[in-house]
Amino acid sequence: MRNVLLAAGVYNVLWGAFAVLFPFAMFRWLDMPLPNYPQLWQCIGMIVGVYGIGYAIAAFDPARHWPVVLVGFLGKVFGPIGMAQALWTEALPWGFALNCVTNDLIWWIPFALILKHAWQQHLHGGEGEPHPDEARLLDEARTAGGASLADISKSQPLLVVFLRHAGCTFCREALADIAAGRRDIEAAGTKVALVHMGTPESFAEFAAKYGLGDVPSVSDPARRLYRGLGLGRGTLSQLLGWKVWLRGAKAFFSGHRLGKLEGDGLQMPGVFLVRDGRIVRRFRHSNAADRPDYVALGRSLSST
């Protein structure tokens, strides 16, 4: 992948330099009328050269610099469309299409593979890292008040709800559902705690809008607790499948509007019932739109 981007970088810089230094050369080779404004062709050469510098930088870490690759890939997709129209209308000779082959078409597959690799890296980033066992994670997870989730669970069962990012309509729906069922959950002897990816200050203000400002919460922007308990990033179908769109529309029109992204937009939610520092019940979302029955989960120990 790095070699591909380095090659693309060198090619673009050389092509751009040639267009800037010899703006009429290609037109003469193809026996085309010389442009009245060669500066425009030189500007195109400069833009292509700048792309080349971007590719060379991206070569150091293709997965990290995927936006550069994506912008280049889109240009290489749309360029041939414009070329096809120009050839169809005979605005350009067929010989000019050689540019399209070397500038665009030969890079489609390599760039697509780089983007696929970047997506997979982002999807599973950090999930292969070693984590402490669950008991230790719960003991290390401190709420804004300073108590650990493990300590709280020793006095009573603790329903720990891992949320999606604060701007997600399903995160807002979840908070509304928890607020509506909180009395029944607590009547069963279970306490609620929330895990989020925002800052303690911003989340406290956000949760207060749902009457949950006093609920213990853990800030986990690095997603260490999420990943340690097996909650990873969602796949395309889990985040953007048709069921998710339908449920999202329903949640949106029920008043759960979208907000500012705070946290990893791909992170999946989950629910864990913890007792004496151990996880005794788990709910893993099959997609971002799943709507757990928080009351039933909170009552599950008292009903056994």
Foldseek 3Di string as FASTA:
>chain_A
DLVLLLVQLVVLLVQLVCCQVPVCVVCVVVVHDGDPCSVVSNVVSVVSNVLSVLSNVCSVPVLVSVVSLVVLLVCLVVVVVVVVVCVVVVVDDPVVCVCNVVSHVVCNVVSVVSNVVSVVCVQCPPLPDDADAQLVLQCPFAWPVGHGNLVVQAVFKEKEKEAAFPQALLRLVQLLLCLVCVVLLVVLGYAYEYEYAADNVVVLVVSVVNVCNVGTYTHDQVCNSCSNVPWTFDDCCQEPNPVNVVLSVVSVVVPSHGDDGGHDNRTAIWIFIDHNSHTDDIGGDPHNSDHDNSSCVSNVVVVD
